[in-house]
Protein backbone atom coordinates (compact mmCIF):
# COMPACT_ATOMS: atom_id res chain seq x y z
CA MET A 1 -17.52 -11.64 -42.44
CA GLY A 2 -20.89 -13.38 -41.96
CA LYS A 3 -24.20 -11.54 -42.26
CA GLU A 4 -24.94 -11.68 -38.54
CA GLU A 5 -21.52 -10.32 -37.61
CA SER A 6 -21.84 -7.61 -40.25
CA VAL A 7 -25.16 -6.45 -38.75
CA ARG A 8 -23.72 -6.53 -35.23
CA ARG A 9 -20.69 -4.51 -36.32
CA LEU A 10 -22.86 -1.93 -38.06
CA ALA A 11 -25.21 -1.69 -35.07
CA ARG A 12 -22.24 -1.15 -32.71
CA ASP A 13 -20.84 1.58 -34.94
CA ALA A 14 -24.26 3.22 -35.22
CA ARG A 15 -24.63 3.36 -31.44
CA ARG A 16 -21.06 4.60 -31.04
CA ALA A 17 -21.70 7.42 -33.52
CA MET A 18 -24.73 8.51 -31.48
CA ARG A 19 -22.68 8.60 -28.28
CA GLU A 20 -19.87 10.56 -29.93
CA GLY A 21 -22.30 13.19 -31.20
CA PRO A 22 -22.83 15.43 -34.27
CA ALA A 23 -19.14 15.76 -35.19
CA ALA A 24 -18.69 11.99 -35.39
CA LEU A 25 -21.90 11.59 -37.40
CA ALA A 26 -20.76 14.31 -39.84
CA GLN A 27 -17.32 12.71 -40.20
CA ARG A 28 -18.85 9.35 -41.10
CA GLN A 29 -21.20 11.03 -43.56
CA ARG A 30 -18.37 12.82 -45.40
CA ALA A 31 -16.20 9.71 -45.60
CA ARG A 32 -19.04 7.50 -46.83
CA LEU A 33 -20.19 10.07 -49.37
CA ALA A 34 -16.66 10.29 -50.80
CA GLU A 35 -16.48 6.49 -51.02
CA MET A 36 -19.88 6.25 -52.69
CA VAL A 37 -19.10 8.92 -55.28
CA ALA A 38 -15.78 7.26 -56.11
CA TYR A 39 -17.45 3.85 -56.44
CA ALA A 40 -20.25 5.21 -58.64
CA ARG A 41 -17.77 6.90 -60.97
CA ALA A 42 -15.69 3.75 -61.27
CA HIS A 43 -18.51 1.26 -61.87
CA SER A 44 -21.59 3.08 -63.25
CA PRO A 45 -21.40 4.32 -66.86
CA TYR A 46 -24.14 6.85 -66.07
CA TYR A 47 -22.33 8.39 -63.10
CA ARG A 48 -18.97 8.26 -64.88
CA GLU A 49 -20.51 10.49 -67.55
CA LEU A 50 -22.42 12.69 -65.07
CA TYR A 51 -19.38 13.28 -62.83
CA ARG A 52 -16.69 13.63 -65.49
CA ASP A 53 -16.02 17.30 -64.65
CA LEU A 54 -16.02 16.94 -60.85
CA PRO A 55 -12.91 17.01 -58.62
CA GLU A 56 -11.19 13.68 -58.00
CA GLN A 57 -12.57 13.44 -54.46
CA VAL A 58 -15.99 14.78 -53.43
CA ASP A 59 -17.26 14.80 -49.84
CA ASP A 60 -19.61 17.77 -50.22
CA PRO A 61 -23.02 16.81 -51.70
CA ALA A 62 -23.58 20.37 -52.97
CA LEU A 63 -20.94 19.70 -55.66
CA LEU A 64 -23.01 16.89 -57.18
CA PRO A 65 -25.59 17.34 -59.96
CA VAL A 66 -29.20 16.67 -58.98
CA THR A 67 -30.81 13.41 -60.12
CA ASP A 68 -34.38 12.09 -59.96
CA LYS A 69 -36.35 8.92 -60.63
CA LYS A 70 -37.22 9.82 -64.21
CA MET A 71 -33.59 10.57 -65.15
CA LEU A 72 -32.18 7.42 -63.55
CA THR A 73 -34.92 5.13 -64.86
CA ALA A 74 -34.29 6.38 -68.41
CA ARG A 75 -30.67 5.16 -68.07
CA PHE A 76 -31.45 2.10 -65.96
CA ASP A 77 -28.83 -0.28 -67.37
CA ASP A 78 -26.07 2.34 -67.28
CA TRP A 79 -27.11 3.46 -63.79
CA ALA A 80 -26.40 0.08 -62.18
CA THR A 81 -22.82 -0.76 -61.21
CA ASP A 82 -23.33 -4.49 -61.89
CA ARG A 83 -23.64 -5.23 -65.63
CA GLN A 84 -25.95 -8.16 -64.85
CA VAL A 85 -28.57 -5.74 -63.50
CA THR A 86 -30.69 -4.75 -66.50
CA ARG A 87 -34.14 -3.26 -66.91
CA GLU A 88 -35.28 -6.26 -68.91
CA GLY A 89 -34.08 -8.71 -66.28
CA ILE A 90 -35.59 -6.77 -63.39
CA GLU A 91 -38.95 -6.37 -65.15
CA ALA A 92 -39.12 -10.12 -65.74
CA PHE A 93 -38.17 -10.79 -62.11
CA VAL A 94 -40.83 -8.54 -60.55
CA ALA A 95 -43.49 -9.93 -62.90
CA ASP A 96 -43.26 -13.19 -60.91
CA PRO A 97 -44.92 -12.82 -57.48
CA SER A 98 -43.42 -16.12 -56.33
CA LEU A 99 -39.98 -14.45 -56.35
CA VAL A 100 -40.87 -11.77 -53.76
CA GLY A 101 -37.99 -11.60 -51.27
CA HIS A 102 -35.74 -13.88 -53.33
CA ARG A 103 -32.40 -12.70 -54.66
CA PHE A 104 -32.05 -11.33 -58.17
CA CYS A 105 -28.88 -12.78 -59.72
CA GLY A 106 -28.41 -14.57 -56.40
CA ARG A 107 -27.29 -11.31 -54.78
CA TYR A 108 -29.87 -8.51 -54.61
CA LEU A 109 -33.28 -7.69 -53.16
CA VAL A 110 -35.63 -5.96 -55.61
CA VAL A 111 -38.39 -3.61 -54.45
CA THR A 112 -40.91 -1.65 -56.48
CA THR A 113 -43.04 1.43 -55.90
CA THR A 114 -46.53 2.05 -57.23
CA GLY A 115 -45.56 4.99 -59.42
CA THR A 116 -48.01 7.51 -58.00
CA SER A 117 -45.50 10.23 -58.94
CA GLY A 118 -45.76 9.17 -62.58
CA VAL A 119 -42.79 6.78 -62.82
CA ARG A 120 -42.78 3.34 -61.21
CA GLY A 121 -39.67 2.76 -59.11
CA LEU A 122 -37.53 -0.37 -59.59
CA PHE A 123 -34.88 -0.47 -56.88
CA VAL A 124 -32.13 -3.02 -56.39
CA LEU A 125 -30.67 -3.35 -52.89
CA ASP A 126 -27.36 -4.99 -52.03
CA ASP A 127 -26.41 -6.83 -48.84
CA LEU A 128 -24.75 -3.77 -47.29
CA THR A 129 -28.00 -1.81 -47.66
CA MET A 130 -29.99 -4.54 -45.93
CA ALA A 131 -27.39 -4.88 -43.16
CA VAL A 132 -27.37 -1.11 -42.56
CA GLN A 133 -31.17 -1.06 -42.46
CA THR A 134 -31.23 -3.86 -39.87
CA GLY A 135 -28.40 -2.34 -37.81
CA LEU A 136 -29.97 1.10 -37.73
CA GLY A 137 -33.27 -0.51 -36.80
CA PHE A 138 -31.67 -1.72 -33.57
CA ARG A 139 -30.49 1.83 -32.90
CA GLY A 140 -33.92 3.24 -33.61
CA GLY A 141 -35.54 0.71 -31.29
CA SER A 142 -33.95 2.20 -28.18
CA GLY A 143 -35.71 4.49 -25.77
CA LEU A 144 -38.64 2.25 -24.79
CA ALA A 145 -39.80 2.43 -21.21
CA ALA A 146 -39.54 -0.66 -19.00
CA ARG A 147 -43.29 -1.40 -19.35
CA ASP A 148 -42.96 -1.31 -23.14
CA VAL A 149 -40.01 -3.70 -23.06
CA ILE A 150 -42.07 -6.06 -20.90
CA ARG A 151 -45.01 -5.84 -23.33
CA THR A 152 -42.65 -6.59 -26.21
CA LEU A 153 -41.06 -9.58 -24.50
CA ALA A 154 -44.47 -10.92 -23.42
CA ARG A 155 -45.42 -11.10 -27.10
CA ALA A 156 -42.08 -12.61 -28.16
CA GLY A 157 -41.25 -9.50 -30.19
CA ARG A 158 -43.90 -10.37 -32.79
CA THR A 159 -44.34 -7.70 -35.47
CA ALA A 160 -47.46 -7.36 -37.62
CA ILE A 161 -46.96 -5.63 -40.99
CA VAL A 162 -50.34 -4.58 -42.36
CA THR A 163 -49.96 -4.01 -46.09
CA ALA A 164 -50.95 -5.07 -49.60
CA PRO A 165 -49.46 -8.48 -50.44
CA GLY A 166 -48.76 -9.90 -53.84
CA GLY A 167 -46.18 -7.41 -55.15
CA HIS A 168 -42.51 -6.65 -54.70
CA PHE A 169 -43.29 -3.63 -52.52
CA ALA A 170 -40.73 -2.89 -49.81
CA THR A 171 -43.25 -3.60 -47.03
CA VAL A 172 -43.60 -7.16 -48.34
CA ALA A 173 -40.26 -7.91 -50.00
CA ALA A 174 -38.02 -6.81 -47.10
CA PRO A 175 -39.76 -9.01 -44.47
CA ALA A 176 -39.75 -11.92 -46.94
CA ARG A 177 -36.00 -11.44 -47.46
CA LEU A 178 -35.39 -11.39 -43.70
CA ALA A 179 -37.44 -14.56 -43.28
CA LEU A 180 -35.34 -16.34 -45.90
CA ASP A 181 -32.01 -15.03 -44.57
CA ARG A 182 -32.77 -15.27 -40.86
CA PRO A 183 -35.61 -17.73 -40.18
CA TRP A 184 -35.62 -16.89 -36.47
CA LEU A 185 -36.33 -13.25 -37.32
CA GLY A 186 -38.79 -14.21 -40.01
CA ARG A 187 -40.87 -16.14 -37.47
CA MET A 188 -41.29 -12.90 -35.48
CA MET A 189 -42.66 -10.95 -38.47
CA ARG A 190 -45.89 -11.58 -40.32
CA VAL A 191 -47.55 -9.72 -43.19
CA PHE A 192 -51.31 -9.19 -42.88
CA SER A 193 -53.27 -8.48 -46.05
CA ILE A 194 -55.33 -5.29 -46.26
CA ASN A 195 -57.27 -6.83 -49.15
CA GLN A 196 -59.32 -9.12 -46.91
CA PRO A 197 -62.54 -8.06 -45.15
CA MET A 198 -61.89 -5.93 -42.06
CA ALA A 199 -63.50 -8.50 -39.76
CA GLU A 200 -61.07 -11.18 -40.95
CA LEU A 201 -58.07 -8.85 -40.59
CA VAL A 202 -59.15 -7.95 -37.05
CA ASP A 203 -59.57 -11.63 -36.14
CA GLU A 204 -56.11 -12.51 -37.47
CA LEU A 205 -54.47 -9.65 -35.57
CA ASN A 206 -56.24 -10.63 -32.37
CA ARG A 207 -54.91 -14.18 -32.69
CA PHE A 208 -51.36 -13.03 -33.56
CA ASN A 209 -51.26 -10.59 -30.59
CA PRO A 210 -48.31 -8.50 -31.90
CA ALA A 211 -45.78 -6.52 -29.88
CA ALA A 212 -45.44 -4.04 -32.76
CA VAL A 213 -47.72 -3.04 -35.63
CA ALA A 214 -46.50 -1.34 -38.81
CA GLY A 215 -48.53 -0.05 -41.72
CA PHE A 216 -49.69 2.93 -43.73
CA VAL A 217 -51.27 5.77 -41.78
CA GLY A 218 -54.71 5.36 -43.36
CA MET A 219 -54.99 1.67 -42.49
CA LEU A 220 -53.66 2.17 -38.96
CA THR A 221 -56.30 4.87 -38.46
CA LEU A 222 -58.98 2.36 -39.49
CA LEU A 223 -57.54 -0.20 -37.08
CA ALA A 224 -57.56 2.42 -34.33
CA GLY A 225 -61.31 2.71 -34.95
CA GLU A 226 -61.67 -1.07 -34.62
CA GLN A 227 -59.70 -0.95 -31.35
CA GLU A 228 -61.89 1.88 -30.03
CA ALA A 229 -65.01 -0.15 -30.90
CA GLY A 230 -63.65 -3.15 -28.96
CA ARG A 231 -63.51 -5.49 -31.95
CA LEU A 232 -59.73 -5.30 -32.18
CA ARG A 233 -58.12 -6.25 -28.87
CA ILE A 234 -54.36 -5.99 -29.24
CA HIS A 235 -51.85 -4.27 -26.98
CA PRO A 236 -48.69 -3.49 -28.95
CA ALA A 237 -45.86 -1.60 -27.29
CA VAL A 238 -45.06 0.24 -30.53
CA VAL A 239 -47.05 1.31 -33.59
CA ILE A 240 -45.04 2.31 -36.67
CA PRO A 241 -46.98 4.42 -39.20
CA GLY A 242 -45.34 5.12 -42.55
CA GLY A 243 -45.89 5.81 -46.22
CA GLU A 244 -48.29 8.73 -45.73
CA THR A 245 -48.14 12.06 -43.91
CA LEU A 246 -48.98 11.60 -40.21
CA THR A 247 -50.91 14.53 -38.77
CA PRO A 248 -50.66 15.31 -35.03
CA ASP A 249 -54.33 14.37 -34.61
CA ALA A 250 -53.88 11.00 -36.32
CA ARG A 251 -50.80 10.34 -34.19
CA GLU A 252 -52.70 11.09 -30.99
CA ARG A 253 -55.64 8.92 -32.01
CA ILE A 254 -53.42 5.91 -32.80
CA ALA A 255 -51.42 6.33 -29.57
CA THR A 256 -54.56 6.59 -27.44
CA ALA A 257 -56.43 3.73 -29.10
CA PHE A 258 -53.57 1.27 -28.67
CA GLN A 259 -52.01 2.83 -25.55
CA ALA A 260 -48.72 2.45 -27.37
CA LYS A 261 -45.66 4.42 -28.40
CA VAL A 262 -46.06 5.79 -31.93
CA ARG A 263 -42.77 5.76 -33.83
CA PRO A 264 -43.51 6.95 -37.38
CA ALA A 265 -41.05 6.14 -40.13
CA TYR A 266 -40.06 8.55 -42.90
CA ALA A 267 -38.48 6.34 -45.53
CA CYS A 268 -38.84 5.36 -49.18
CA GLY A 269 -37.95 2.60 -51.59
CA GLU A 270 -34.80 4.54 -52.46
CA CYS A 271 -33.65 4.54 -48.81
CA GLY A 272 -35.52 2.35 -46.36
CA PHE A 273 -33.38 3.42 -43.42
CA LEU A 274 -33.67 7.18 -43.97
CA SER A 275 -34.99 8.13 -40.52
CA ALA A 276 -36.66 7.05 -37.29
CA GLY A 277 -39.40 8.89 -35.42
CA CYS A 278 -39.18 10.11 -31.84
CA ALA A 279 -41.73 10.71 -29.08
CA HIS A 280 -41.80 14.45 -29.84
CA GLY A 281 -43.12 14.03 -33.39
CA TRP A 282 -39.85 14.53 -35.29
CA TYR A 283 -38.11 12.27 -37.77
CA HIS A 284 -34.41 11.85 -36.98
CA VAL A 285 -32.36 11.40 -40.14
CA ASN A 286 -29.74 8.64 -39.96
CA SER A 287 -27.15 11.14 -41.13
CA ASP A 288 -24.19 8.76 -40.77
CA TRP A 289 -25.64 6.71 -43.65
CA ALA A 290 -27.80 9.23 -45.53
CA VAL A 291 -27.72 12.87 -46.60
CA LEU A 292 -30.91 14.95 -46.63
CA GLU A 293 -30.73 18.46 -48.14
CA PRO A 294 -33.81 20.73 -47.94
CA VAL A 295 -33.72 23.04 -50.98
CA ASP A 296 -35.84 25.62 -52.79
CA ALA A 297 -37.24 25.26 -56.32
CA ASP A 298 -33.80 26.07 -57.77
CA HIS A 299 -32.09 23.47 -55.54
CA ARG A 300 -30.49 26.11 -53.32
CA PRO A 301 -30.15 25.29 -49.58
CA VAL A 302 -33.05 26.22 -47.31
CA PRO A 303 -32.09 27.15 -43.72
CA PRO A 304 -33.37 25.27 -40.65
CA GLY A 305 -36.82 26.40 -39.56
CA GLN A 306 -37.95 27.14 -43.13
CA LEU A 307 -40.11 24.82 -45.20
CA SER A 308 -38.35 23.52 -48.30
CA HIS A 309 -39.76 23.22 -51.80
CA THR A 310 -38.24 19.74 -52.11
CA VAL A 311 -35.48 17.65 -50.56
CA LEU A 312 -32.43 15.93 -52.04
CA MET A 313 -31.38 12.54 -50.64
CA SER A 314 -28.16 10.54 -50.92
CA ASN A 315 -28.09 6.88 -49.87
CA LEU A 316 -24.56 6.10 -48.64
CA ALA A 317 -24.97 2.32 -48.47
CA ASN A 318 -26.37 1.01 -51.76
CA ARG A 319 -23.54 0.48 -54.24
CA VAL A 320 -25.31 -1.62 -56.85
CA GLN A 321 -27.70 1.22 -57.71
CA PRO A 322 -26.19 4.47 -56.36
CA ILE A 323 -28.75 7.12 -55.40
CA LEU A 324 -26.98 10.45 -54.99
CA ARG A 325 -28.48 13.94 -54.64
CA TYR A 326 -31.82 12.49 -55.65
CA ASP A 327 -34.92 14.70 -55.68
CA LEU A 328 -37.52 13.01 -53.46
CA GLY A 329 -40.20 15.65 -54.03
CA ASP A 330 -40.99 16.02 -50.32
CA SER A 331 -41.41 19.34 -48.55
CA VAL A 332 -39.56 19.22 -45.21
CA LEU A 333 -38.58 21.46 -42.34
CA VAL A 334 -35.36 20.97 -40.35
CA ARG A 335 -35.59 21.69 -36.63
CA PRO A 336 -33.32 24.68 -35.87
CA ASP A 337 -32.64 23.67 -32.24
CA PRO A 338 -31.85 20.39 -30.44
CA CYS A 339 -34.77 17.99 -30.17
CA PRO A 340 -36.06 17.46 -26.60
CA CYS A 341 -35.64 13.70 -27.08
CA GLY A 342 -31.87 14.21 -26.87
CA SER A 343 -30.96 12.60 -30.20
CA PRO A 344 -27.91 14.16 -31.91
CA LEU A 345 -29.35 13.23 -35.32
CA PRO A 346 -30.89 16.02 -37.46
CA ALA A 347 -34.64 16.33 -36.84
CA VAL A 348 -37.13 17.03 -39.63
CA GLN A 349 -40.86 17.27 -40.15
CA VAL A 350 -42.42 16.27 -43.46
CA GLN A 351 -45.27 18.34 -44.85
CA GLY A 352 -46.03 16.05 -47.78
CA ARG A 353 -44.92 15.57 -51.33
CA VAL A 354 -44.82 18.49 -53.73
CA ALA A 355 -46.63 16.15 -56.14
CA GLU A 356 -49.55 16.00 -53.66
CA LEU A 357 -50.15 19.73 -53.46
CA LEU A 358 -53.58 20.79 -54.71
CA THR A 359 -53.29 23.80 -57.01
CA PHE A 360 -56.26 26.03 -57.82
CA PRO A 361 -56.84 29.20 -59.85
CA THR A 362 -57.65 32.37 -57.92
CA ASP A 363 -60.06 35.17 -58.79
CA ARG A 364 -57.00 37.27 -59.70
CA GLY A 365 -55.92 34.94 -62.47
CA GLU A 366 -53.07 33.47 -60.38
CA HIS A 367 -52.66 30.00 -58.88
CA VAL A 368 -52.38 28.93 -55.25
CA SER A 369 -51.17 25.57 -53.88
CA ILE A 370 -52.36 24.04 -50.61
CA SER A 371 -50.45 21.41 -48.63
CA PRO A 372 -52.02 18.01 -47.78
CA MET A 373 -51.28 18.83 -44.13
CA ALA A 374 -53.69 21.80 -44.29
CA PHE A 375 -56.54 19.55 -45.41
CA GLY A 376 -55.57 16.93 -42.80
CA ALA A 377 -55.77 19.50 -40.02
CA ALA A 378 -59.07 20.91 -41.27
CA LEU A 379 -60.77 17.55 -41.73
CA ASP A 380 -60.22 16.06 -38.29
CA ILE A 381 -63.97 15.52 -37.91
CA PRO A 382 -65.86 13.25 -35.49
CA GLY A 383 -67.59 10.41 -37.30
CA MET A 384 -65.15 10.30 -40.22
CA GLU A 385 -62.41 7.67 -40.41
CA LEU A 386 -60.86 8.53 -43.79
CA PHE A 387 -61.18 11.14 -46.51
CA GLN A 388 -59.82 11.32 -50.04
CA LEU A 389 -59.91 14.46 -52.18
CA VAL A 390 -59.62 13.78 -55.90
CA GLN A 391 -59.10 16.80 -58.14
CA THR A 392 -60.97 15.86 -61.32
CA ALA A 393 -60.75 19.33 -62.92
CA PRO A 394 -58.91 22.56 -62.04
CA THR A 395 -61.91 23.77 -60.00
CA THR A 396 -63.56 20.46 -59.04
CA LEU A 397 -62.87 18.25 -56.01
CA ARG A 398 -64.48 14.83 -55.65
CA VAL A 399 -64.76 14.02 -51.94
CA ARG A 400 -64.63 10.36 -50.88
CA LEU A 401 -65.44 9.57 -47.25
CA ARG A 402 -65.30 6.54 -44.99
CA LEU A 403 -67.50 7.03 -41.94
CA ALA A 404 -67.33 5.53 -38.48
CA ASP A 405 -70.06 3.14 -37.41
CA GLY A 406 -73.25 4.98 -36.52
CA ALA A 407 -72.11 8.33 -37.97
CA ASP A 408 -74.71 10.61 -39.55
CA ALA A 409 -73.58 10.70 -43.20
CA ASP A 410 -75.39 13.92 -44.09
CA ARG A 411 -74.08 15.75 -41.02
CA VAL A 412 -70.50 14.62 -41.66
CA TRP A 413 -70.76 15.67 -45.31
CA GLN A 414 -72.06 19.11 -44.36
CA THR A 415 -69.15 19.57 -41.91
CA VAL A 416 -66.61 18.44 -44.51
CA ARG A 417 -68.08 20.80 -47.10
CA ASP A 418 -67.99 23.72 -44.66
CA LYS A 419 -64.42 22.99 -43.56
CA VAL A 420 -63.06 22.62 -47.10
CA THR A 421 -64.90 25.74 -48.28
CA HIS A 422 -63.48 27.73 -45.35
CA LEU A 423 -59.95 26.51 -46.09
CA LEU A 424 -60.22 27.42 -49.76
CA THR A 425 -61.60 30.84 -48.86
CA GLU A 426 -58.70 31.44 -46.45
CA HIS A 427 -56.30 30.77 -49.32
CA LYS A 428 -58.28 33.12 -51.60
CA VAL A 429 -59.12 30.35 -54.04
CA GLY A 430 -61.84 31.05 -56.59
CA GLU A 431 -65.06 29.08 -56.95
CA VAL A 432 -64.49 25.31 -56.47
CA THR A 433 -67.15 22.64 -56.93
CA LEU A 434 -67.23 19.92 -54.23
CA GLU A 435 -68.72 16.62 -55.39
CA ARG A 436 -69.98 14.10 -52.85
CA ALA A 437 -68.73 10.70 -54.03
CA ASP A 438 -70.71 7.49 -53.67
CA GLU A 439 -67.54 5.36 -53.59
CA PRO A 440 -65.29 5.17 -50.48
CA PRO A 441 -61.59 6.15 -50.48
CA GLN A 442 -59.60 3.96 -52.85
CA GLN A 443 -56.28 2.28 -52.11
CA SER A 444 -53.29 2.34 -54.44
CA PRO A 445 -51.86 -1.06 -55.50
CA GLY A 446 -49.25 -0.79 -52.74
CA GLY A 447 -51.87 -0.33 -50.05
CA LYS A 448 -51.76 3.43 -49.45
CA PHE A 449 -54.84 5.55 -49.00
CA ARG A 450 -53.71 8.70 -50.77
CA ARG A 451 -55.70 11.42 -49.04
CA ILE A 452 -54.91 13.93 -51.78
CA ILE A 453 -54.95 13.02 -55.49
CA PRO A 454 -54.15 16.11 -57.59
CA LEU A 455 -55.33 16.62 -61.14
CA ALA A 456 -53.42 14.32 -63.46
CA MET A 457 -51.18 16.36 -65.72
CA PRO A 458 -51.09 15.52 -69.45
């Protein structure tokens, strides 16, 4: 079966599963999980060892041991199901920027992560994974109003991906792979570098006139400011924020600035097709091809409506590098009732990564952790485009700010200081020193503006 027919078949099945409802989605999930577990045991030395005491057939993820990036990376060569996939070979491949989007061993796409959690991710994706991602993308693209379809067609479906070029990051490597595999699709997608001056980026986007814009939340917020100022003059039908937690205020600002649908993506290098956002602010998990389990600190299930400590994810497509019951480190909440958008897929909200919680000592000798979302809600301040809180000591926060044109820097700083102090007081945190930084918010190598950078642990 050719690649195009494979994508069409997967897209048809994905749409059929949606029409048939939750029972059909659950049936596909169980069957695909059982197939993936069986394949991993048969072809991965690591999983053969890890699963040696499990029943012959497993279609319940709760029976599987928990894995994480550190564990799998330590056994990289044994983790892969293809003996040609080795850590040494992958490291040499990603060291060459000219190979971005090309096939490792003539078969696989390789994507990397920046390693902000402490371990850099090296992920190998097979053709089925890429076909599922493309097929589910067609399913996720439904639901546009007629005017949005017209705006999309008027711009020939052009998609602008605003990111950091030069590495094998998923935001760069996946479009490059599509361009090589399907030139017609590649001509519709273009990567725009965030490393160039803002004026040049704005000029390039104006000339490209995209129907859709995708990028990290921080950069899209900056572009919303350029649109509000009249320097950026684009009219996309859809804006796709990803990579960072999207607050309701940031969502509203982006939607208003561009007069566009905002469809945030909750995904990761381990599973690029994990979910699609809806108009009501929820992420709908593609549960026919992925499993998402909200759990507490002991990996016990957390009921819908309750915030989890972390979440376990199983990718049911990627066979070359199976990712099963994998601890993502995100804190999520599953919607306990049907989403108003009508989707039968499970709906979740993401509160941020556990690794991005800021933890402070209290006056009582205890410790309290505060979610990135709490700071995001508190620091929605006129005149400020971006903030970055860097914990340089247990009781010290360095505050980096990027201000809007014409903003009063001293007034904004005073408001930020008051808001952060009030938030810390509400959480009964002890004395914390707030340092006003001279430098603006810094980007990670992959292009993210991490709003919260906790104290580095030894």
